[in-house]
C-alpha atoms as a PDB file:
ATOM      1  CA  UNK A   1     -17.220   3.240  14.824  1.00  0.00           C
ATOM      2  CA  UNK A   2     -15.478   4.437  17.966  1.00  0.00           C
ATOM      3  CA  UNK A   3     -11.970   5.913  17.441  1.00  0.00           C
ATOM      4  CA  UNK A   4     -10.193   3.134  19.369  1.00  0.00           C
ATOM      5  CA  UNK A   5     -11.863   0.382  17.349  1.00  0.00           C
ATOM      6  CA  UNK A   6     -11.284   2.354  14.164  1.00  0.00           C
ATOM      7  CA  UNK A   7      -7.574   2.768  14.930  1.00  0.00           C
ATOM      8  CA  UNK A   8      -7.221  -0.933  15.694  1.00  0.00           C
ATOM      9  CA  UNK A   9      -8.976  -1.951  12.452  1.00  0.00           C
ATOM     10  CA  UNK A  10      -7.033   0.544  10.330  1.00  0.00           C
ATOM     11  CA  UNK A  11      -3.676  -0.337  11.903  1.00  0.00           C
ATOM     12  CA  UNK A  12      -4.293  -4.061  11.482  1.00  0.00           C
ATOM     13  CA  UNK A  13      -5.136  -3.610   7.813  1.00  0.00           C
ATOM     14  CA  UNK A  14      -2.290  -1.161   7.178  1.00  0.00           C
ATOM     15  CA  UNK A  15       0.272  -3.490   8.744  1.00  0.00           C
ATOM     16  CA  UNK A  16      -0.908  -6.464   6.690  1.00  0.00           C
ATOM     17  CA  UNK A  17       1.579  -7.303   3.930  1.00  0.00           C
ATOM     18  CA  UNK A  18       0.542  -5.819   0.617  1.00  0.00           C
ATOM     19  CA  UNK A  19       1.984  -4.056  -2.408  1.00  0.00           C
ATOM     20  CA  UNK A  20       2.633  -0.673  -0.788  1.00  0.00           C
ATOM     21  CA  UNK A  21       4.122  -2.254   2.328  1.00  0.00           C
ATOM     22  CA  UNK A  22       6.347  -4.440   0.172  1.00  0.00           C
ATOM     23  CA  UNK A  23       7.677  -1.358  -1.595  1.00  0.00           C
ATOM     24  CA  UNK A  24       8.219   0.439   1.718  1.00  0.00           C
ATOM     25  CA  UNK A  25      10.101  -2.568   3.084  1.00  0.00           C
ATOM     26  CA  UNK A  26      12.198  -2.768  -0.051  1.00  0.00           C
ATOM     27  CA  UNK A  27      12.913   0.965   0.219  1.00  0.00           C
ATOM     28  CA  UNK A  28      14.110   0.451   3.785  1.00  0.00           C
ATOM     29  CA  UNK A  29      16.338  -2.402   2.623  1.00  0.00           C
ATOM     30  CA  UNK A  30      17.794  -0.570  -0.363  1.00  0.00           C
ATOM     31  CA  UNK A  31      18.120   3.067   0.753  1.00  0.00           C
ATOM     32  CA  UNK A  32      17.869   2.801   4.535  1.00  0.00           C
ATOM     33  CA  UNK A  33      15.242   3.761   7.061  1.00  0.00           C
ATOM     34  CA  UNK A  34      15.734   7.535   7.023  1.00  0.00           C
ATOM     35  CA  UNK A  35      15.703   7.946   3.259  1.00  0.00           C
ATOM     36  CA  UNK A  36      12.726   5.615   2.849  1.00  0.00           C
ATOM     37  CA  UNK A  37      10.675   7.872   5.141  1.00  0.00           C
ATOM     38  CA  UNK A  38      10.608  10.402   2.289  1.00  0.00           C
ATOM     39  CA  UNK A  39       8.032   8.108   0.700  1.00  0.00           C
ATOM     40  CA  UNK A  40       5.594   8.370   3.631  1.00  0.00           C
ATOM     41  CA  UNK A  41       3.957  11.647   2.468  1.00  0.00           C
ATOM     42  CA  UNK A  42       3.572  10.104  -0.990  1.00  0.00           C
ATOM     43  CA  UNK A  43       1.778   7.096   0.487  1.00  0.00           C
ATOM     44  CA  UNK A  44      -0.430   9.332   2.644  1.00  0.00           C
ATOM     45  CA  UNK A  45      -1.339  11.512  -0.343  1.00  0.00           C
ATOM     46  CA  UNK A  46      -2.281   8.528  -2.490  1.00  0.00           C
ATOM     47  CA  UNK A  47      -4.414   6.965   0.232  1.00  0.00           C
ATOM     48  CA  UNK A  48      -6.196  10.272   0.831  1.00  0.00           C
ATOM     49  CA  UNK A  49      -6.750  10.796  -2.882  1.00  0.00           C
ATOM     50  CA  UNK A  50      -8.488   7.424  -3.016  1.00  0.00           C
ATOM     51  CA  UNK A  51     -10.232   7.148   0.330  1.00  0.00           C
ATOM     52  CA  UNK A  52     -11.661  10.648   0.653  1.00  0.00           C
ATOM     53  CA  UNK A  53     -13.801  10.417  -2.520  1.00  0.00           C
ATOM     54  CA  UNK A  54     -14.760   6.850  -1.593  1.00  0.00           C
ATOM     55  CA  UNK A  55     -15.870   7.935   1.880  1.00  0.00           C
ATOM     56  CA  UNK A  56     -17.838  10.846   0.422  1.00  0.00           C
ATOM     57  CA  UNK A  57     -19.499   9.290  -2.643  1.00  0.00           C
ATOM     58  CA  UNK A  58     -18.109   5.769  -3.073  1.00  0.00           C
ATOM     59  CA  UNK A  59     -21.218   3.877  -2.068  1.00  0.00           C
ATOM     60  CA  UNK A  60     -23.298   5.860  -4.564  1.00  0.00           C
ATOM     61  CA  UNK A  61     -20.774   5.266  -7.364  1.00  0.00           C
ATOM     62  CA  UNK A  62     -20.644   1.520  -6.744  1.00  0.00           C
ATOM     63  CA  UNK A  63     -24.435   1.383  -6.638  1.00  0.00           C
ATOM     64  CA  UNK A  64     -24.638   3.108 -10.034  1.00  0.00           C
ATOM     65  CA  UNK A  65     -21.724   1.212 -11.596  1.00  0.00           C
ATOM     66  CA  UNK A  66     -21.306  -2.090  -9.779  1.00  0.00           C
ATOM     67  CA  UNK A  67     -18.477  -3.137 -12.125  1.00  0.00           C
ATOM     68  CA  UNK A  68     -16.288  -0.183 -11.111  1.00  0.00           C
ATOM     69  CA  UNK A  69     -14.851  -2.056  -8.130  1.00  0.00           C
ATOM     70  CA  UNK A  70     -13.919  -5.029 -10.314  1.00  0.00           C
ATOM     71  CA  UNK A  71     -12.244  -2.792 -12.885  1.00  0.00           C
ATOM     72  CA  UNK A  72     -10.207  -1.105 -10.147  1.00  0.00           C
ATOM     73  CA  UNK A  73      -9.144  -4.501  -8.755  1.00  0.00           C
ATOM     74  CA  UNK A  74      -8.161  -5.673 -12.246  1.00  0.00           C
ATOM     75  CA  UNK A  75      -6.018  -2.583 -12.881  1.00  0.00           C
ATOM     76  CA  UNK A  76      -4.454  -2.962  -9.425  1.00  0.00           C
ATOM     77  CA  UNK A  77      -3.669  -6.633 -10.084  1.00  0.00           C
ATOM     78  CA  UNK A  78      -1.966  -5.824 -13.386  1.00  0.00           C
ATOM     79  CA  UNK A  79       0.095  -3.023 -11.807  1.00  0.00           C
ATOM     80  CA  UNK A  80       1.236  -5.159  -8.873  1.00  0.00           C
ATOM     81  CA  UNK A  81       2.104  -8.058 -11.178  1.00  0.00           C
ATOM     82  CA  UNK A  82       4.216  -5.704 -13.301  1.00  0.00           C
ATOM     83  CA  UNK A  83       6.026  -4.557 -10.146  1.00  0.00           C
ATOM     84  CA  UNK A  84       6.616  -8.200  -9.175  1.00  0.00           C
ATOM     85  CA  UNK A  85       8.186  -8.958 -12.548  1.00  0.00           C
ATOM     86  CA  UNK A  86      10.434  -5.898 -12.371  1.00  0.00           C
ATOM     87  CA  UNK A  87      11.494  -6.733  -8.835  1.00  0.00           C
ATOM     88  CA  UNK A  88      12.174 -10.376  -9.699  1.00  0.00           C
ATOM     89  CA  UNK A  89      14.425  -9.277 -12.539  1.00  0.00           C
ATOM     90  CA  UNK A  90      16.309  -6.685 -10.469  1.00  0.00           C
ATOM     91  CA  UNK A  91      19.696  -7.861  -9.317  1.00  0.00           C
ATOM     92  CA  UNK A  92      21.200  -4.872  -7.537  1.00  0.00           C
ATOM     93  CA  UNK A  93      20.261  -2.279  -4.998  1.00  0.00           C
ATOM     94  CA  UNK A  94      20.579   0.432  -7.647  1.00  0.00           C
ATOM     95  CA  UNK A  95      17.854  -1.325  -9.636  1.00  0.00           C
ATOM     96  CA  UNK A  96      15.735  -1.502  -6.482  1.00  0.00           C
ATOM     97  CA  UNK A  97      16.160   2.253  -6.013  1.00  0.00           C
ATOM     98  CA  UNK A  98      14.851   2.796  -9.530  1.00  0.00           C
ATOM     99  CA  UNK A  99      11.985   0.397  -8.820  1.00  0.00           C
ATOM    100  CA  UNK A 100      10.940   2.001  -5.539  1.00  0.00           C
ATOM    101  CA  UNK A 101      10.291   5.532  -6.685  1.00  0.00           C
ATOM    102  CA  UNK A 102       7.824   8.048  -5.320  1.00  0.00           C
ATOM    103  CA  UNK A 103       5.786   7.631  -8.508  1.00  0.00           C
ATOM    104  CA  UNK A 104       5.553   3.853  -8.097  1.00  0.00           C
ATOM    105  CA  UNK A 105       4.667   4.092  -4.421  1.00  0.00           C
ATOM    106  CA  UNK A 106       2.002   6.661  -5.314  1.00  0.00           C
ATOM    107  CA  UNK A 107       0.412   4.591  -8.099  1.00  0.00           C
ATOM    108  CA  UNK A 108       0.655   1.364  -6.104  1.00  0.00           C
ATOM    109  CA  UNK A 109      -1.027   2.969  -3.100  1.00  0.00           C
ATOM    110  CA  UNK A 110      -3.621   4.660  -5.280  1.00  0.00           C
ATOM    111  CA  UNK A 111      -4.571   1.249  -6.690  1.00  0.00           C
ATOM    112  CA  UNK A 112      -4.217  -0.615  -3.395  1.00  0.00           C
ATOM    113  CA  UNK A 113      -7.408  -2.612  -2.718  1.00  0.00           C
ATOM    114  CA  UNK A 114      -7.081  -1.718   0.968  1.00  0.00           C
ATOM    115  CA  UNK A 115      -8.199   1.796   0.015  1.00  0.00           C
ATOM    116  CA  UNK A 116     -11.597   0.387  -0.929  1.00  0.00           C
ATOM    117  CA  UNK A 117     -11.981  -1.082   2.548  1.00  0.00           C
ATOM    118  CA  UNK A 118     -10.888   2.150   4.217  1.00  0.00           C
ATOM    119  CA  UNK A 119     -13.086   4.405   2.102  1.00  0.00           C
ATOM    120  CA  UNK A 120     -16.184   2.238   1.827  1.00  0.00           C
ATOM    121  CA  UNK A 121     -16.219   0.308   5.097  1.00  0.00           C
ATOM    122  CA  UNK A 122     -14.061   1.760   7.873  1.00  0.00           C
ATOM    123  CA  UNK A 123     -14.314   5.521   7.432  1.00  0.00           C
ATOM    124  CA  UNK A 124     -17.579   6.983   8.727  1.00  0.00           C
ATOM    125  CA  UNK A 125     -20.170   8.605   6.552  1.00  0.00           C
ATOM    126  CA  UNK A 126     -19.685  12.365   6.137  1.00  0.00           C
ATOM    127  CA  UNK A 127     -23.101  13.043   7.653  1.00  0.00           C
ATOM    128  CA  UNK A 128     -21.968  11.702  11.054  1.00  0.00           C
ATOM    129  CA  UNK A 129     -19.628  14.655  11.644  1.00  0.00           C
ATOM    130  CA  UNK A 130     -16.813  12.288  12.630  1.00  0.00           C
ATOM    131  CA  UNK A 131     -15.064  12.037   9.277  1.00  0.00           C
ATOM    132  CA  UNK A 132     -12.403  14.691  10.001  1.00  0.00           C
ATOM    133  CA  UNK A 133     -11.130  13.129  13.248  1.00  0.00           C
ATOM    134  CA  UNK A 134     -11.149   9.685  11.660  1.00  0.00           C
ATOM    135  CA  UNK A 135      -9.031  11.002   8.788  1.00  0.00           C
ATOM    136  CA  UNK A 136      -6.511  12.467  11.253  1.00  0.00           C
ATOM    137  CA  UNK A 137      -6.219   9.081  12.965  1.00  0.00           C
ATOM    138  CA  UNK A 138      -6.046   7.386   9.557  1.00  0.00           C
ATOM    139  CA  UNK A 139      -3.145   9.601   8.426  1.00  0.00           C
ATOM    140  CA  UNK A 140      -1.239   8.927  11.648  1.00  0.00           C
ATOM    141  CA  UNK A 141      -1.788   5.186  11.214  1.00  0.00           C
ATOM    142  CA  UNK A 142      -0.544   5.319   7.607  1.00  0.00           C
ATOM    143  CA  UNK A 143       2.637   7.083   8.714  1.00  0.00           C
ATOM    144  CA  UNK A 144       3.181   4.616  11.545  1.00  0.00           C
ATOM    145  CA  UNK A 145       2.650   1.526   9.389  1.00  0.00           C
ATOM    146  CA  UNK A 146       4.895   2.870   6.632  1.00  0.00           C
ATOM    147  CA  UNK A 147       7.607   3.520   9.215  1.00  0.00           C
ATOM    148  CA  UNK A 148       7.281  -0.005  10.587  1.00  0.00           C
ATOM    149  CA  UNK A 149       7.658  -1.515   7.105  1.00  0.00           C
ATOM    150  CA  UNK A 150      10.611   0.733   6.230  1.00  0.00           C
ATOM    151  CA  UNK A 151      12.321  -0.180   9.511  1.00  0.00           C
ATOM    152  CA  UNK A 152      11.621  -3.862   8.909  1.00  0.00           C
ATOM    153  CA  UNK A 153      13.135  -3.656   5.445  1.00  0.00           C
ATOM    154  CA  UNK A 154      16.138  -1.836   6.811  1.00  0.00           C
ATOM    155  CA  UNK A 155      16.801  -4.683   9.244  1.00  0.00           C
ATOM    156  CA  UNK A 156      16.701  -7.244   6.425  1.00  0.00           C
ATOM    157  CA  UNK A 157      19.731  -5.902   4.601  1.00  0.00           C
ATOM    158  CA  UNK A 158      22.100  -8.716   3.717  1.00  0.00           C
ATOM    159  CA  UNK A 159      25.244  -7.100   5.061  1.00  0.00           C
ATOM    160  CA  UNK A 160      25.101  -4.360   7.687  1.00  0.00           C
ATOM    161  CA  UNK A 161      28.142  -2.695   6.122  1.00  0.00           C
ATOM    162  CA  UNK A 162      26.507  -2.575   2.706  1.00  0.00           C
ATOM    163  CA  UNK A 163      23.329  -0.991   1.395  1.00  0.00           C
ATOM    164  CA  UNK A 164      22.681  -4.110  -0.675  1.00  0.00           C
ATOM    165  CA  UNK A 165      19.611  -6.059   0.385  1.00  0.00           C
ATOM    166  CA  UNK A 166      19.883  -9.802   0.048  1.00  0.00           C
ATOM    167  CA  UNK A 167      18.851 -11.197  -3.352  1.00  0.00           C
ATOM    168  CA  UNK A 168      16.602 -13.509  -1.334  1.00  0.00           C
ATOM    169  CA  UNK A 169      14.791 -10.473   0.116  1.00  0.00           C
ATOM    170  CA  UNK A 170      14.170  -9.147  -3.407  1.00  0.00           C
ATOM    171  CA  UNK A 171      12.898 -12.525  -4.593  1.00  0.00           C
ATOM    172  CA  UNK A 172      10.639 -12.974  -1.569  1.00  0.00           C
ATOM    173  CA  UNK A 173       9.213  -9.479  -2.091  1.00  0.00           C
ATOM    174  CA  UNK A 174       8.641 -10.200  -5.790  1.00  0.00           C
ATOM    175  CA  UNK A 175       6.966 -13.507  -4.963  1.00  0.00           C
ATOM    176  CA  UNK A 176       4.732 -11.833  -2.419  1.00  0.00           C
ATOM    177  CA  UNK A 177       3.740  -9.127  -4.925  1.00  0.00           C
ATOM    178  CA  UNK A 178       2.881 -11.807  -7.489  1.00  0.00           C
ATOM    179  CA  UNK A 179       0.764 -13.601  -4.875  1.00  0.00           C
ATOM    180  CA  UNK A 180      -1.057 -10.346  -4.044  1.00  0.00           C
ATOM    181  CA  UNK A 181      -1.595  -9.689  -7.762  1.00  0.00           C
ATOM    182  CA  UNK A 182      -3.134 -13.123  -8.279  1.00  0.00           C
ATOM    183  CA  UNK A 183      -5.396 -12.543  -5.269  1.00  0.00           C
ATOM    184  CA  UNK A 184      -6.499  -9.166  -6.628  1.00  0.00           C
ATOM    185  CA  UNK A 185      -7.098 -10.713 -10.055  1.00  0.00           C
ATOM    186  CA  UNK A 186      -9.219 -13.489  -8.518  1.00  0.00           C
ATOM    187  CA  UNK A 187     -11.215 -10.882  -6.602  1.00  0.00           C
ATOM    188  CA  UNK A 188     -11.779  -8.868  -9.788  1.00  0.00           C
ATOM    189  CA  UNK A 189     -13.125 -11.767 -11.829  1.00  0.00           C
ATOM    190  CA  UNK A 190     -16.836 -12.483 -11.699  1.00  0.00           C
ATOM    191  CA  UNK A 191     -17.821 -15.480  -9.610  1.00  0.00           C
END
Protein backbone atom coordinates (compact mmCIF):
# COMPACT_ATOMS: atom_id res chain seq x y z
CA UNK A 1 0.00 0.00 0.00
CA UNK A 2 1.33 3.42 -0.93
CA UNK A 3 2.33 5.66 2.03
CA UNK A 4 -0.40 8.25 1.38
CA UNK A 5 -3.15 5.62 1.29
CA UNK A 6 -1.62 3.91 4.31
CA UNK A 7 -1.55 7.16 6.30
CA UNK A 8 -5.16 7.90 5.39
CA UNK A 9 -6.32 4.41 6.41
CA UNK A 10 -4.31 4.42 9.65
CA UNK A 11 -5.39 7.95 10.61
CA UNK A 12 -9.04 7.18 9.92
CA UNK A 13 -8.91 4.07 12.09
CA UNK A 14 -6.88 5.75 14.84
CA UNK A 15 -9.30 8.68 15.05
CA UNK A 16 -12.33 6.39 15.28
CA UNK A 17 -13.74 6.34 18.82
CA UNK A 18 -12.53 3.35 20.77
CA UNK A 19 -11.28 2.37 24.21
CA UNK A 20 -7.84 3.98 24.00
CA UNK A 21 -9.22 7.17 22.48
CA UNK A 22 -11.87 7.33 25.19
CA UNK A 23 -9.18 7.13 27.85
CA UNK A 24 -7.10 9.79 26.09
CA UNK A 25 -10.13 12.08 25.88
CA UNK A 26 -10.91 11.49 29.53
CA UNK A 27 -7.28 12.23 30.40
CA UNK A 28 -7.52 15.52 28.52
CA UNK A 29 -10.72 16.35 30.41
CA UNK A 30 -9.41 15.41 33.84
CA UNK A 31 -5.73 16.44 33.82
CA UNK A 32 -5.55 18.81 30.86
CA UNK A 33 -4.02 18.60 27.42
CA UNK A 34 -0.36 18.97 28.38
CA UNK A 35 -0.36 16.40 31.16
CA UNK A 36 -2.37 13.92 29.10
CA UNK A 37 0.34 13.98 26.42
CA UNK A 38 2.53 12.02 28.84
CA UNK A 39 0.38 9.03 27.91
CA UNK A 40 1.24 9.23 24.20
CA UNK A 41 4.54 7.26 24.47
CA UNK A 42 2.67 4.62 26.48
CA UNK A 43 0.07 4.28 23.73
CA UNK A 44 2.77 4.14 21.04
CA UNK A 45 4.69 1.46 22.95
CA UNK A 46 1.62 -0.71 23.41
CA UNK A 47 0.61 -0.45 19.75
CA UNK A 48 4.15 -1.32 18.65
CA UNK A 49 4.32 -4.24 21.06
CA UNK A 50 1.17 -5.64 19.46
CA UNK A 51 1.47 -4.66 15.82
CA UNK A 52 5.12 -5.46 15.19
CA UNK A 53 4.78 -9.18 16.03
CA UNK A 54 1.47 -9.29 14.15
CA UNK A 55 3.05 -7.74 11.05
CA UNK A 56 5.99 -10.15 11.26
CA UNK A 57 4.30 -13.46 12.13
CA UNK A 58 0.62 -12.76 12.81
CA UNK A 59 -0.78 -14.38 9.71
CA UNK A 60 1.13 -17.59 10.44
CA UNK A 61 -0.05 -17.64 14.07
CA UNK A 62 -3.69 -17.15 13.12
CA UNK A 63 -3.39 -19.87 10.48
CA UNK A 64 -2.04 -22.31 13.09
CA UNK A 65 -4.41 -21.24 15.87
CA UNK A 66 -7.52 -19.73 14.31
CA UNK A 67 -9.13 -19.25 17.74
CA UNK A 68 -6.35 -16.93 18.93
CA UNK A 69 -8.03 -13.86 17.43
CA UNK A 70 -11.32 -14.69 19.17
CA UNK A 71 -9.58 -15.18 22.51
CA UNK A 72 -7.84 -11.81 22.15
CA UNK A 73 -11.16 -10.11 21.31
CA UNK A 74 -12.82 -11.77 24.32
CA UNK A 75 -10.08 -10.60 26.70
CA UNK A 76 -10.25 -7.11 25.18
CA UNK A 77 -14.04 -7.01 25.60
CA UNK A 78 -13.80 -7.99 29.27
CA UNK A 79 -11.09 -5.38 29.94
CA UNK A 80 -13.00 -2.57 28.23
CA UNK A 81 -16.22 -3.52 30.03
CA UNK A 82 -14.37 -3.38 33.36
CA UNK A 83 -13.09 0.10 32.45
CA UNK A 84 -16.65 1.16 31.57
CA UNK A 85 -17.95 0.02 34.95
CA UNK A 86 -15.16 1.82 36.81
CA UNK A 87 -15.72 4.98 34.81
CA UNK A 88 -19.49 4.87 35.32
CA UNK A 89 -18.97 4.61 39.06
CA UNK A 90 -16.39 7.42 39.23
CA UNK A 91 -17.81 10.68 40.47
CA UNK A 92 -14.84 13.01 40.65
CA UNK A 93 -11.89 14.07 38.59
CA UNK A 94 -9.54 12.53 41.15
CA UNK A 95 -11.19 9.16 40.50
CA UNK A 96 -10.77 9.74 36.76
CA UNK A 97 -7.06 10.40 37.30
CA UNK A 98 -6.76 7.06 39.07
CA UNK A 99 -8.73 5.42 36.26
CA UNK A 100 -6.66 6.89 33.43
CA UNK A 101 -3.23 5.66 34.38
CA UNK A 102 -0.32 4.80 32.14
CA UNK A 103 -0.85 1.13 33.03
CA UNK A 104 -4.51 1.21 31.98
CA UNK A 105 -3.77 3.05 28.75
CA UNK A 106 -1.03 0.51 28.03
CA UNK A 107 -3.20 -2.57 28.66
CA UNK A 108 -6.19 -1.06 26.86
CA UNK A 109 -4.08 -0.25 23.81
CA UNK A 110 -2.36 -3.62 23.93
CA UNK A 111 -5.78 -5.30 23.78
CA UNK A 112 -7.29 -2.83 21.32
CA UNK A 113 -8.83 -4.73 18.38
CA UNK A 114 -7.58 -1.98 16.06
CA UNK A 115 -4.08 -3.42 16.57
CA UNK A 116 -5.19 -6.57 14.76
CA UNK A 117 -6.22 -4.51 11.74
CA UNK A 118 -2.97 -2.55 11.77
CA UNK A 119 -0.72 -5.58 12.19
CA UNK A 120 -2.54 -8.06 9.98
CA UNK A 121 -4.08 -5.88 7.28
CA UNK A 122 -2.59 -2.40 6.93
CA UNK A 123 1.11 -2.85 7.68
CA UNK A 124 3.06 -4.36 4.78
CA UNK A 125 4.72 -7.73 4.89
CA UNK A 126 8.33 -7.62 6.11
CA UNK A 127 9.55 -9.10 2.83
CA UNK A 128 8.48 -5.97 0.90
CA UNK A 129 11.19 -3.83 2.51
CA UNK A 130 8.65 -1.11 3.30
CA UNK A 131 7.83 -2.10 6.86
CA UNK A 132 10.23 0.37 8.54
CA UNK A 133 8.90 3.49 6.78
CA UNK A 134 5.33 2.37 7.38
CA UNK A 135 6.07 1.99 11.09
CA UNK A 136 7.50 5.53 11.21
CA UNK A 137 4.32 6.88 9.63
CA UNK A 138 2.25 4.68 11.95
CA UNK A 139 3.98 6.06 15.06
CA UNK A 140 3.45 9.64 13.89
CA UNK A 141 -0.23 8.91 13.25
CA UNK A 142 -0.64 7.38 16.72
CA UNK A 143 0.87 10.49 18.32
CA UNK A 144 -1.32 12.79 16.24
CA UNK A 145 -4.55 10.91 16.96
CA UNK A 146 -3.78 10.70 20.68
CA UNK A 147 -3.16 14.45 20.72
CA UNK A 148 -6.45 15.11 18.94
CA UNK A 149 -8.37 13.01 21.49
CA UNK A 150 -6.58 14.61 24.45
CA UNK A 151 -7.31 18.09 23.07
CA UNK A 152 -10.93 17.13 22.45
CA UNK A 153 -11.29 15.90 26.02
CA UNK A 154 -9.68 19.05 27.32
CA UNK A 155 -12.30 21.16 25.54
CA UNK A 156 -15.12 19.15 27.12
CA UNK A 157 -14.34 20.15 30.68
CA UNK A 158 -17.49 21.27 32.47
CA UNK A 159 -16.10 24.51 33.85
CA UNK A 160 -13.09 26.21 32.27
CA UNK A 161 -11.96 27.40 35.71
CA UNK A 162 -12.04 23.88 37.12
CA UNK A 163 -10.26 20.67 36.20
CA UNK A 164 -13.49 18.76 36.77
CA UNK A 165 -14.95 17.21 33.64
CA UNK A 166 -18.72 17.15 33.48
CA UNK A 167 -20.35 14.07 35.04
CA UNK A 168 -22.16 13.77 31.70
CA UNK A 169 -18.79 13.44 29.92
CA UNK A 170 -17.80 10.61 32.27
CA UNK A 171 -21.13 8.84 31.75
CA UNK A 172 -20.98 9.23 27.97
CA UNK A 173 -17.42 7.86 27.95
CA UNK A 174 -18.48 4.92 30.14
CA UNK A 175 -21.46 4.22 27.90
CA UNK A 176 -19.28 4.32 24.82
CA UNK A 177 -16.77 1.91 26.41
CA UNK A 178 -19.60 -0.48 27.28
CA UNK A 179 -20.84 -0.28 23.68
CA UNK A 180 -17.33 -1.03 22.37
CA UNK A 181 -17.03 -3.94 24.82
CA UNK A 182 -20.31 -5.45 23.62
CA UNK A 183 -19.14 -5.06 20.01
CA UNK A 184 -15.83 -6.77 20.80
CA UNK A 185 -17.67 -9.54 22.64
CA UNK A 186 -20.00 -10.08 19.67
CA UNK A 187 -16.99 -10.23 17.35
CA UNK A 188 -15.29 -12.79 19.61
CA UNK A 189 -18.23 -15.19 19.74
CA UNK A 190 -18.50 -17.83 17.05
CA UNK A 191 -21.12 -17.17 14.40
